[in-house]
Protein backbone atom coordinates (compact mmCIF):
# COMPACT_ATOMS: atom_id res chain seq x y z
CA MET A 1 -10.61 16.60 -4.84
CA HIS A 2 -6.23 16.60 -4.73
CA ALA A 3 -4.87 14.13 -2.16
CA THR A 4 -1.61 15.79 -0.72
CA ARG A 5 1.49 13.97 -0.38
CA SER A 6 1.52 13.51 3.56
CA ARG A 7 -1.73 12.08 3.09
CA SER A 8 -0.71 9.36 0.39
CA ILE A 9 2.22 8.79 3.10
CA ALA A 10 -0.22 8.32 5.75
CA LYS A 11 -2.36 5.99 3.66
CA ALA A 12 0.83 4.10 2.31
CA LEU A 13 2.06 3.16 5.99
CA THR A 14 -1.35 2.37 7.74
CA TRP A 15 -2.08 -0.39 4.88
CA ARG A 16 1.53 -1.55 4.49
CA VAL A 17 1.03 -2.82 8.62
CA ILE A 18 -1.94 -4.70 7.62
CA ALA A 19 -0.41 -6.27 4.57
CA THR A 20 2.65 -6.63 6.59
CA LEU A 21 1.45 -8.42 9.16
CA THR A 22 -0.47 -10.81 6.46
CA THR A 23 2.58 -11.21 4.45
CA ALA A 24 4.45 -12.01 7.69
CA SER A 25 1.67 -14.42 9.30
CA LEU A 26 1.86 -16.40 5.79
CA ALA A 27 5.47 -16.97 6.17
CA TYR A 28 5.66 -18.02 9.54
CA ILE A 29 2.66 -20.77 8.41
CA PHE A 30 4.37 -21.95 5.23
CA THR A 31 7.80 -22.27 7.24
CA ASP A 32 6.37 -24.93 9.84
CA GLY A 33 6.62 -21.51 12.52
CA ASP A 34 10.23 -20.07 11.45
CA VAL A 35 9.93 -16.77 13.40
CA ASP A 36 13.41 -15.64 11.65
CA ILE A 37 12.09 -16.34 8.29
CA ALA A 38 8.49 -14.78 8.50
CA ILE A 39 10.31 -11.23 10.19
CA LYS A 40 12.88 -11.02 7.33
CA VAL A 41 10.25 -11.68 4.63
CA GLY A 42 8.02 -8.88 6.26
CA ALA A 43 10.88 -6.77 6.45
CA PHE A 44 11.35 -7.07 2.64
CA ASP A 45 7.75 -6.60 1.88
CA VAL A 46 7.35 -3.58 3.75
CA VAL A 47 10.16 -1.71 2.40
CA ILE A 48 9.53 -2.77 -1.35
CA LYS A 49 5.54 -2.53 -1.30
CA LEU A 50 5.37 0.75 0.77
CA ALA A 51 7.73 2.26 -2.23
CA PHE A 52 5.56 0.88 -5.07
CA TYR A 53 2.25 1.64 -3.34
CA TYR A 54 3.55 5.14 -2.68
CA LEU A 55 4.50 5.50 -6.75
CA HIS A 56 1.12 4.01 -7.55
CA GLU A 57 -0.89 6.48 -5.16
CA ARG A 58 0.94 9.38 -6.66
CA GLY A 59 1.11 8.01 -10.28
CA TRP A 60 -3.36 7.64 -9.67
CA GLY A 61 -3.29 10.99 -8.54
CA MET A 62 -2.46 12.57 -11.96
CA VAL A 63 -5.09 10.66 -13.63
CA GLU A 64 -8.34 12.58 -14.14
CA TRP A 65 -10.54 9.64 -15.14
CA GLY A 66 -12.95 9.09 -12.82
CA ILE A 67 -13.29 12.17 -10.31
CA GLY A 68 -14.06 15.91 -11.51
CA ASN A 69 -17.11 17.88 -10.68
CA SER A 70 -20.42 16.24 -10.86
CA THR A 71 -21.98 18.86 -12.52
CA LEU A 72 -20.15 18.56 -15.36
CA GLN A 73 -20.40 14.63 -15.84
CA ARG A 74 -23.28 13.46 -17.54
CA GLY A 75 -22.39 9.78 -18.01
């Protein structure tokens, strides 16, 4: 099984929406409702973590460990 680059990008984007909303919500809570800081933290978070997630996903795409033809694996 081989994941395409576009699939990796789509997975990264959908995950980043969830994760950025979580981070921005926490920033909002911890800054006593400062919307400006929450937005800035969320924006910075999405840029940095999207890049790292994509690199992580592509890196794991080059690792064969854990995937393979089930008829060839015997434990």
